[in-house]
Amino acid sequence: MTQPIVQARNVHKAYDQLEVLKGIDLDVAPGEVVVMLGPSGSGKSTFLRCINHLESIQQGAILVDGEQMGYRLQGDKLLKLSENAIARQRRKIGMVFQSFNLYPHMTVLQNIIEAPVGIHGESRADATAHAMQLLNRVGLADKAPAYPRQLSGGQQQRVAIARALAIRPKLMLFDEPTSALDPELVGEVLATMRDLAAQGLTMIVVTHEIGFAREAADRVVFMDGGVVVEQGRPGDVLVNPRHPRTQAFLSRFI
């Protein structure tokens, strides 16, 4: 049986007295597209950030590609990894945020090759060739010399997706990637994400785009109050949810 690329076990996360994650268990298989739904404050984005150790957890474990994120086991003790070691772990994970976070003083091409060249030691020629392939993939090859301020919000987010793909990740995380966009620009970003899903990229997507979940997800996970309330195939969870909380949430979109 193929090992899950993400294994979360009894994950707890709290900020002071506020417990945000209350024991999350979740496996994600290679090539699977998992869409996480739920109301604001349910813990979805926090869980996403815990996967690549942008946030540390207080209890439980998260393994990516068989490696525990942020820690190593020595005897019966968990020891926190150095920042350099954590950075190496993150090489297998790409992440796209709500805001585009592009460097305004760099061109589109420079934004995309910055991490492969500056952090991962890839040659500029190889990184540039790969970047142009990615820009063509997201439909923006002609924007390579442009600066972020010259692009629409949807174009900037597609560049952000290309930048995340530039490190050749095994896993892509999307944290509400269309929430900062004007409604007419949402479609172009979702189309890019659908293409990635169709190509077999492992993806975990936090979103309120029910249409995307219906069309592109292999599995829908509904969270509320820091726990997984319900999960299953989109046709089951979205069309015939079992839990009253899921039913109440989805009724707003019908």
C-alpha atoms as a PDB file:
ATOM      1  CA  MET A   1       0.000   0.000   0.000  1.00  0.00           C
ATOM      2  CA  THR A   2       1.348   3.453  -0.926  1.00  0.00           C
ATOM      3  CA  GLN A   3       2.448   5.525   2.058  1.00  0.00           C
ATOM      4  CA  PRO A   4       0.508   8.770   2.524  1.00  0.00           C
ATOM      5  CA  ILE A   5       2.512  11.866   1.648  1.00  0.00           C
ATOM      6  CA  VAL A   6       0.902  13.663   4.626  1.00  0.00           C
ATOM      7  CA  GLN A   7       0.180  11.932   7.928  1.00  0.00           C
ATOM      8  CA  ALA A   8      -1.295  14.023  10.731  1.00  0.00           C
ATOM      9  CA  ARG A   9      -1.838  12.339  14.071  1.00  0.00           C
ATOM     10  CA  ASN A  10      -3.656  13.899  17.057  1.00  0.00           C
ATOM     11  CA  VAL A  11      -2.475  17.406  16.106  1.00  0.00           C
ATOM     12  CA  HIS A  12      -3.104  20.066  18.743  1.00  0.00           C
ATOM     13  CA  LYS A  13      -2.320  23.765  18.420  1.00  0.00           C
ATOM     14  CA  ALA A  14      -3.107  26.552  20.876  1.00  0.00           C
ATOM     15  CA  TYR A  15      -2.364  30.242  21.166  1.00  0.00           C
ATOM     16  CA  ASP A  16      -2.135  30.920  24.892  1.00  0.00           C
ATOM     17  CA  GLN A  17      -5.509  29.702  26.217  1.00  0.00           C
ATOM     18  CA  LEU A  18      -7.174  29.502  22.800  1.00  0.00           C
ATOM     19  CA  GLU A  19      -7.107  25.941  21.474  1.00  0.00           C
ATOM     20  CA  VAL A  20      -7.337  26.146  17.682  1.00  0.00           C
ATOM     21  CA  LEU A  21      -6.672  22.519  16.701  1.00  0.00           C
ATOM     22  CA  LYS A  22      -8.107  19.844  18.971  1.00  0.00           C
ATOM     23  CA  GLY A  23      -6.720  16.551  17.731  1.00  0.00           C
ATOM     24  CA  ILE A  24      -6.592  16.461  13.927  1.00  0.00           C
ATOM     25  CA  ASP A  25      -6.053  13.087  12.216  1.00  0.00           C
ATOM     26  CA  LEU A  26      -5.668  13.212   8.451  1.00  0.00           C
ATOM     27  CA  ASP A  27      -3.853  11.261   5.731  1.00  0.00           C
ATOM     28  CA  VAL A  28      -3.304  12.556   2.199  1.00  0.00           C
ATOM     29  CA  ALA A  29      -2.256  10.129  -0.510  1.00  0.00           C
ATOM     30  CA  PRO A  30       0.208  10.979  -3.300  1.00  0.00           C
ATOM     31  CA  GLY A  31      -1.640  12.660  -6.156  1.00  0.00           C
ATOM     32  CA  GLU A  32      -4.738  13.324  -4.049  1.00  0.00           C
ATOM     33  CA  VAL A  33      -6.511  16.693  -4.049  1.00  0.00           C
ATOM     34  CA  VAL A  34      -8.042  17.454  -0.646  1.00  0.00           C
ATOM     35  CA  VAL A  35     -10.238  20.515  -0.219  1.00  0.00           C
ATOM     36  CA  MET A  36     -10.789  21.778   3.319  1.00  0.00           C
ATOM     37  CA  LEU A  37     -14.016  23.645   3.993  1.00  0.00           C
ATOM     38  CA  GLY A  38     -15.374  25.261   7.114  1.00  0.00           C
ATOM     39  CA  PRO A  39     -16.286  28.584   8.713  1.00  0.00           C
ATOM     40  CA  SER A  40     -13.707  31.221   9.564  1.00  0.00           C
ATOM     41  CA  GLY A  41     -11.900  30.327  12.770  1.00  0.00           C
ATOM     42  CA  SER A  42     -12.384  26.589  12.349  1.00  0.00           C
ATOM     43  CA  GLY A  43      -8.607  25.949  12.204  1.00  0.00           C
ATOM     44  CA  LYS A  44      -8.200  25.206   8.488  1.00  0.00           C
ATOM     45  CA  SER A  45      -5.473  27.756   7.733  1.00  0.00           C
ATOM     46  CA  THR A  46      -3.703  27.043  11.010  1.00  0.00           C
ATOM     47  CA  PHE A  47      -3.557  23.348  10.155  1.00  0.00           C
ATOM     48  CA  LEU A  48      -2.163  24.175   6.722  1.00  0.00           C
ATOM     49  CA  ARG A  49       0.586  26.297   8.291  1.00  0.00           C
ATOM     50  CA  CYS A  50       1.396  23.518  10.752  1.00  0.00           C
ATOM     51  CA  ILE A  51       2.012  21.093   7.891  1.00  0.00           C
ATOM     52  CA  ASN A  52       5.091  23.006   6.732  1.00  0.00           C
ATOM     53  CA  HIS A  53       5.953  24.075  10.282  1.00  0.00           C
ATOM     54  CA  LEU A  54       5.223  27.754   9.825  1.00  0.00           C
ATOM     55  CA  GLU A  55       3.379  27.123  13.085  1.00  0.00           C
ATOM     56  CA  SER A  56       4.612  24.650  15.693  1.00  0.00           C
ATOM     57  CA  ILE A  57       2.260  22.181  17.341  1.00  0.00           C
ATOM     58  CA  GLN A  58       1.955  21.360  21.037  1.00  0.00           C
ATOM     59  CA  GLN A  59       0.890  17.740  20.696  1.00  0.00           C
ATOM     60  CA  GLY A  60       0.795  15.047  18.048  1.00  0.00           C
ATOM     61  CA  ALA A  61       2.855  14.721  14.882  1.00  0.00           C
ATOM     62  CA  ILE A  62       2.794  15.712  11.217  1.00  0.00           C
ATOM     63  CA  LEU A  63       4.832  13.675   8.744  1.00  0.00           C
ATOM     64  CA  VAL A  64       5.433  14.767   5.155  1.00  0.00           C
ATOM     65  CA  ASP A  65       6.881  12.144   2.832  1.00  0.00           C
ATOM     66  CA  GLY A  66       7.676  10.002   5.887  1.00  0.00           C
ATOM     67  CA  GLU A  67       9.598  12.731   7.726  1.00  0.00           C
ATOM     68  CA  GLN A  68       8.319  14.387  10.896  1.00  0.00           C
ATOM     69  CA  MET A  69       8.106  18.132  10.333  1.00  0.00           C
ATOM     70  CA  GLY A  70      10.107  20.287  12.701  1.00  0.00           C
ATOM     71  CA  TYR A  71      11.410  17.508  14.951  1.00  0.00           C
ATOM     72  CA  ARG A  72      13.536  14.383  15.092  1.00  0.00           C
ATOM     73  CA  LEU A  73      13.172  11.438  17.401  1.00  0.00           C
ATOM     74  CA  GLN A  74      16.155  10.669  19.614  1.00  0.00           C
ATOM     75  CA  GLY A  75      15.462   7.699  21.831  1.00  0.00           C
ATOM     76  CA  ASP A  76      12.054   8.448  23.285  1.00  0.00           C
ATOM     77  CA  LYS A  77      12.431  12.242  23.047  1.00  0.00           C
ATOM     78  CA  LEU A  78      11.415  14.668  20.317  1.00  0.00           C
ATOM     79  CA  LEU A  79      14.087  17.273  19.634  1.00  0.00           C
ATOM     80  CA  LYS A  80      13.333  20.447  17.702  1.00  0.00           C
ATOM     81  CA  LEU A  81      15.256  20.778  14.445  1.00  0.00           C
ATOM     82  CA  SER A  82      17.417  23.764  13.579  1.00  0.00           C
ATOM     83  CA  GLU A  83      16.008  26.433  11.285  1.00  0.00           C
ATOM     84  CA  ASN A  84      18.299  25.218   8.497  1.00  0.00           C
ATOM     85  CA  ALA A  85      17.030  21.657   8.888  1.00  0.00           C
ATOM     86  CA  ILE A  86      13.406  22.856   8.861  1.00  0.00           C
ATOM     87  CA  ALA A  87      14.134  24.908   5.726  1.00  0.00           C
ATOM     88  CA  ARG A  88      15.441  21.742   4.060  1.00  0.00           C
ATOM     89  CA  GLN A  89      12.241  19.920   4.991  1.00  0.00           C
ATOM     90  CA  ARG A  90      10.172  22.706   3.414  1.00  0.00           C
ATOM     91  CA  ARG A  91      11.851  22.162   0.042  1.00  0.00           C
ATOM     92  CA  LYS A  92       9.306  19.452  -0.690  1.00  0.00           C
ATOM     93  CA  ILE A  93       6.348  21.756   0.043  1.00  0.00           C
ATOM     94  CA  GLY A  94       5.082  24.689  -1.995  1.00  0.00           C
ATOM     95  CA  MET A  95       2.585  27.121  -0.491  1.00  0.00           C
ATOM     96  CA  VAL A  96       0.333  29.793  -1.971  1.00  0.00           C
ATOM     97  CA  PHE A  97      -1.143  32.359   0.421  1.00  0.00           C
ATOM     98  CA  GLN A  98      -4.154  34.689   0.324  1.00  0.00           C
ATOM     99  CA  SER A  99      -1.921  37.646  -0.492  1.00  0.00           C
ATOM    100  CA  PHE A 100       0.487  37.206  -3.361  1.00  0.00           C
ATOM    101  CA  ASN A 101       3.666  38.169  -1.460  1.00  0.00           C
ATOM    102  CA  LEU A 102       5.608  38.888  -4.648  1.00  0.00           C
ATOM    103  CA  TYR A 103       8.737  41.020  -4.363  1.00  0.00           C
ATOM    104  CA  PRO A 104       7.685  44.365  -5.884  1.00  0.00           C
ATOM    105  CA  HIS A 105      11.232  45.347  -6.928  1.00  0.00           C
ATOM    106  CA  MET A 106      11.744  42.123  -8.922  1.00  0.00           C
ATOM    107  CA  THR A 107      10.337  41.119 -12.288  1.00  0.00           C
ATOM    108  CA  VAL A 108       8.028  38.133 -12.597  1.00  0.00           C
ATOM    109  CA  LEU A 109      10.924  35.968 -13.763  1.00  0.00           C
ATOM    110  CA  GLN A 110      13.194  37.146 -10.944  1.00  0.00           C
ATOM    111  CA  ASN A 111      10.467  36.377  -8.393  1.00  0.00           C
ATOM    112  CA  ILE A 112      10.199  32.803  -9.641  1.00  0.00           C
ATOM    113  CA  ILE A 113      13.917  31.998  -9.793  1.00  0.00           C
ATOM    114  CA  GLU A 114      14.804  33.657  -6.476  1.00  0.00           C
ATOM    115  CA  ALA A 115      14.317  30.557  -4.291  1.00  0.00           C
ATOM    116  CA  PRO A 116      15.725  27.936  -6.714  1.00  0.00           C
ATOM    117  CA  VAL A 117      18.903  29.973  -7.261  1.00  0.00           C
ATOM    118  CA  GLY A 118      19.347  31.800  -3.962  1.00  0.00           C
ATOM    119  CA  ILE A 119      18.255  29.087  -1.540  1.00  0.00           C
ATOM    120  CA  HIS A 120      18.466  25.749  -3.343  1.00  0.00           C
ATOM    121  CA  GLY A 121      21.634  26.415  -5.362  1.00  0.00           C
ATOM    122  CA  GLU A 122      20.169  25.719  -8.788  1.00  0.00           C
ATOM    123  CA  SER A 123      22.010  27.262 -11.742  1.00  0.00           C
ATOM    124  CA  ARG A 124      20.463  30.459 -13.078  1.00  0.00           C
ATOM    125  CA  ALA A 125      20.153  28.949 -16.556  1.00  0.00           C
ATOM    126  CA  ASP A 126      18.286  25.867 -15.328  1.00  0.00           C
ATOM    127  CA  ALA A 127      16.071  27.900 -13.000  1.00  0.00           C
ATOM    128  CA  THR A 128      15.219  30.347 -15.784  1.00  0.00           C
ATOM    129  CA  ALA A 129      14.329  27.570 -18.218  1.00  0.00           C
ATOM    130  CA  HIS A 130      12.094  25.928 -15.617  1.00  0.00           C
ATOM    131  CA  ALA A 131      10.516  29.276 -14.716  1.00  0.00           C
ATOM    132  CA  MET A 132       9.581  29.920 -18.327  1.00  0.00           C
ATOM    133  CA  GLN A 133       8.005  26.464 -18.529  1.00  0.00           C
ATOM    134  CA  LEU A 134       5.964  27.275 -15.431  1.00  0.00           C
ATOM    135  CA  LEU A 135       4.917  30.688 -16.742  1.00  0.00           C
ATOM    136  CA  ASN A 136       3.749  29.034 -19.930  1.00  0.00           C
ATOM    137  CA  ARG A 137       1.881  26.492 -17.813  1.00  0.00           C
ATOM    138  CA  VAL A 138      -0.045  29.254 -16.004  1.00  0.00           C
ATOM    139  CA  GLY A 139      -0.546  31.245 -19.208  1.00  0.00           C
ATOM    140  CA  LEU A 140       1.796  34.132 -18.412  1.00  0.00           C
ATOM    141  CA  ALA A 141       4.945  33.516 -20.452  1.00  0.00           C
ATOM    142  CA  ASP A 142       4.675  37.021 -21.949  1.00  0.00           C
ATOM    143  CA  LYS A 143       4.755  38.588 -18.458  1.00  0.00           C
ATOM    144  CA  ALA A 144       8.272  37.380 -17.532  1.00  0.00           C
ATOM    145  CA  PRO A 145       9.835  40.890 -17.758  1.00  0.00           C
ATOM    146  CA  ALA A 146       6.895  42.646 -16.074  1.00  0.00           C
ATOM    147  CA  TYR A 147       6.794  43.849 -12.466  1.00  0.00           C
ATOM    148  CA  PRO A 148       4.025  42.804 -10.062  1.00  0.00           C
ATOM    149  CA  ARG A 149       2.470  46.281 -10.085  1.00  0.00           C
ATOM    150  CA  GLN A 150       1.848  45.849 -13.825  1.00  0.00           C
ATOM    151  CA  LEU A 151      -0.265  42.728 -13.306  1.00  0.00           C
ATOM    152  CA  SER A 152      -3.838  42.167 -12.229  1.00  0.00           C
ATOM    153  CA  GLY A 153      -4.521  40.414  -8.942  1.00  0.00           C
ATOM    154  CA  GLY A 154      -5.367  37.194 -10.739  1.00  0.00           C
ATOM    155  CA  GLN A 155      -2.141  37.351 -12.738  1.00  0.00           C
ATOM    156  CA  GLN A 156      -0.134  37.998  -9.571  1.00  0.00           C
ATOM    157  CA  GLN A 157      -1.656  34.961  -7.895  1.00  0.00           C
ATOM    158  CA  ARG A 158      -0.852  32.800 -10.920  1.00  0.00           C
ATOM    159  CA  VAL A 159       2.744  34.034 -10.713  1.00  0.00           C
ATOM    160  CA  ALA A 160       2.699  33.107  -7.012  1.00  0.00           C
ATOM    161  CA  ILE A 161       1.589  29.597  -7.991  1.00  0.00           C
ATOM    162  CA  ALA A 162       4.414  29.367 -10.536  1.00  0.00           C
ATOM    163  CA  ARG A 163       6.875  30.559  -7.884  1.00  0.00           C
ATOM    164  CA  ALA A 164       5.682  27.864  -5.456  1.00  0.00           C
ATOM    165  CA  LEU A 165       6.073  25.232  -8.175  1.00  0.00           C
ATOM    166  CA  ALA A 166       9.592  26.398  -9.006  1.00  0.00           C
ATOM    167  CA  ILE A 167      11.109  24.397  -6.148  1.00  0.00           C
ATOM    168  CA  ARG A 168       9.573  21.221  -7.636  1.00  0.00           C
ATOM    169  CA  PRO A 169       7.501  20.386  -4.540  1.00  0.00           C
ATOM    170  CA  LYS A 170       5.944  17.022  -3.789  1.00  0.00           C
ATOM    171  CA  LEU A 171       3.048  18.767  -2.039  1.00  0.00           C
ATOM    172  CA  MET A 172       1.239  22.060  -2.702  1.00  0.00           C
ATOM    173  CA  LEU A 173      -0.699  23.931  -0.025  1.00  0.00           C
ATOM    174  CA  PHE A 174      -3.210  26.634  -0.982  1.00  0.00           C
ATOM    175  CA  ASP A 175      -4.514  28.923   1.768  1.00  0.00           C
ATOM    176  CA  GLU A 176      -7.659  30.601   0.399  1.00  0.00           C
ATOM    177  CA  PRO A 177      -5.824  31.595  -2.801  1.00  0.00           C
ATOM    178  CA  THR A 178      -8.784  33.483  -4.296  1.00  0.00           C
ATOM    179  CA  SER A 179     -10.093  35.312  -1.213  1.00  0.00           C
ATOM    180  CA  ALA A 180      -8.183  38.540  -1.981  1.00  0.00           C
ATOM    181  CA  LEU A 181      -9.268  38.671  -5.636  1.00  0.00           C
ATOM    182  CA  ASP A 182     -12.068  40.572  -7.307  1.00  0.00           C
ATOM    183  CA  PRO A 183     -14.823  38.121  -8.315  1.00  0.00           C
ATOM    184  CA  GLU A 184     -14.094  38.420 -12.043  1.00  0.00           C
ATOM    185  CA  LEU A 185     -10.466  37.324 -11.465  1.00  0.00           C
ATOM    186  CA  VAL A 186     -11.225  34.225  -9.400  1.00  0.00           C
ATOM    187  CA  GLY A 187     -11.927  32.010 -12.396  1.00  0.00           C
ATOM    188  CA  GLU A 188      -8.470  32.296 -13.953  1.00  0.00           C
ATOM    189  CA  VAL A 189      -6.753  31.220 -10.734  1.00  0.00           C
ATOM    190  CA  LEU A 190      -9.149  28.314 -10.173  1.00  0.00           C
ATOM    191  CA  ALA A 191      -8.602  27.201 -13.777  1.00  0.00           C
ATOM    192  CA  THR A 192      -4.843  27.064 -13.132  1.00  0.00           C
ATOM    193  CA  MET A 193      -5.436  25.027  -9.973  1.00  0.00           C
ATOM    194  CA  ARG A 194      -7.758  22.640 -11.821  1.00  0.00           C
ATOM    195  CA  ASP A 195      -5.010  22.047 -14.389  1.00  0.00           C
ATOM    196  CA  LEU A 196      -2.534  21.228 -11.605  1.00  0.00           C
ATOM    197  CA  ALA A 197      -5.019  18.820 -10.042  1.00  0.00           C
ATOM    198  CA  ALA A 198      -5.593  17.131 -13.393  1.00  0.00           C
ATOM    199  CA  GLN A 199      -1.833  16.638 -13.767  1.00  0.00           C
ATOM    200  CA  GLY A 200      -1.673  14.628 -10.552  1.00  0.00           C
ATOM    201  CA  LEU A 201      -0.086  17.135  -8.175  1.00  0.00           C
ATOM    202  CA  THR A 202      -0.791  16.430  -4.500  1.00  0.00           C
ATOM    203  CA  MET A 203      -2.732  19.420  -3.187  1.00  0.00           C
ATOM    204  CA  ILE A 204      -4.404  20.537   0.032  1.00  0.00           C
ATOM    205  CA  VAL A 205      -6.650  23.522  -0.621  1.00  0.00           C
ATOM    206  CA  VAL A 206      -8.360  25.695   1.975  1.00  0.00           C
ATOM    207  CA  THR A 207     -11.121  27.533   0.138  1.00  0.00           C
ATOM    208  CA  HIS A 208     -14.763  28.602   0.134  1.00  0.00           C
ATOM    209  CA  GLU A 209     -15.066  27.859  -3.589  1.00  0.00           C
ATOM    210  CA  ILE A 210     -17.622  25.064  -3.500  1.00  0.00           C
ATOM    211  CA  GLY A 211     -17.546  24.699  -7.287  1.00  0.00           C
ATOM    212  CA  PHE A 212     -13.826  23.986  -7.229  1.00  0.00           C
ATOM    213  CA  ALA A 213     -14.314  21.425  -4.475  1.00  0.00           C
ATOM    214  CA  ARG A 214     -17.042  19.720  -6.494  1.00  0.00           C
ATOM    215  CA  GLU A 215     -15.035  19.633  -9.742  1.00  0.00           C
ATOM    216  CA  ALA A 216     -11.414  19.117  -8.668  1.00  0.00           C
ATOM    217  CA  ALA A 217     -11.322  17.484  -5.227  1.00  0.00           C
ATOM    218  CA  ASP A 218     -10.839  13.798  -4.590  1.00  0.00           C
ATOM    219  CA  ARG A 219     -11.928  14.348  -1.009  1.00  0.00           C
ATOM    220  CA  VAL A 220     -13.637  17.134   0.929  1.00  0.00           C
ATOM    221  CA  VAL A 221     -12.806  17.673   4.600  1.00  0.00           C
ATOM    222  CA  PHE A 222     -15.167  19.830   6.660  1.00  0.00           C
ATOM    223  CA  MET A 223     -13.698  21.390   9.802  1.00  0.00           C
ATOM    224  CA  ASP A 224     -15.372  23.288  12.599  1.00  0.00           C
ATOM    225  CA  GLY A 225     -14.211  24.220  16.076  1.00  0.00           C
ATOM    226  CA  GLY A 226     -10.733  22.794  15.566  1.00  0.00           C
ATOM    227  CA  VAL A 227     -11.838  19.266  14.645  1.00  0.00           C
ATOM    228  CA  VAL A 228     -12.635  17.328  11.484  1.00  0.00           C
ATOM    229  CA  VAL A 229     -16.415  17.034  11.528  1.00  0.00           C
ATOM    230  CA  GLU A 230     -16.922  15.126   8.291  1.00  0.00           C
ATOM    231  CA  GLN A 231     -14.965  14.002   5.255  1.00  0.00           C
ATOM    232  CA  GLY A 232     -15.569  12.015   2.107  1.00  0.00           C
ATOM    233  CA  ARG A 233     -16.004  12.200  -1.635  1.00  0.00           C
ATOM    234  CA  PRO A 234     -17.313  15.544  -2.925  1.00  0.00           C
ATOM    235  CA  GLY A 235     -20.507  13.945  -4.178  1.00  0.00           C
ATOM    236  CA  ASP A 236     -21.232  12.669  -0.676  1.00  0.00           C
ATOM    237  CA  VAL A 237     -20.159  15.578   1.540  1.00  0.00           C
ATOM    238  CA  LEU A 238     -21.397  18.397  -0.704  1.00  0.00           C
ATOM    239  CA  VAL A 239     -24.608  16.803  -1.943  1.00  0.00           C
ATOM    240  CA  ASN A 240     -25.655  14.670   1.000  1.00  0.00           C
ATOM    241  CA  PRO A 241     -23.765  15.751   4.156  1.00  0.00           C
ATOM    242  CA  ARG A 242     -24.466  13.659   7.236  1.00  0.00           C
ATOM    243  CA  HIS A 243     -23.514  16.027  10.051  1.00  0.00           C
ATOM    244  CA  PRO A 244     -25.928  18.855  10.970  1.00  0.00           C
ATOM    245  CA  ARG A 245     -23.035  21.338  11.194  1.00  0.00           C
ATOM    246  CA  THR A 246     -21.928  20.503   7.653  1.00  0.00           C
ATOM    247  CA  GLN A 247     -25.506  20.787   6.448  1.00  0.00           C
ATOM    248  CA  ALA A 248     -25.883  24.237   8.042  1.00  0.00           C
ATOM    249  CA  PHE A 249     -22.602  25.484   6.548  1.00  0.00           C
ATOM    250  CA  LEU A 250     -23.329  24.267   3.028  1.00  0.00           C
ATOM    251  CA  SER A 251     -26.897  25.606   3.077  1.00  0.00           C
ATOM    252  CA  ARG A 252     -25.428  29.114   2.743  1.00  0.00           C
ATOM    253  CA  PHE A 253     -24.031  28.218  -0.674  1.00  0.00           C
ATOM    254  CA  ILE A 254     -27.188  26.695  -2.125  1.00  0.00           C
END
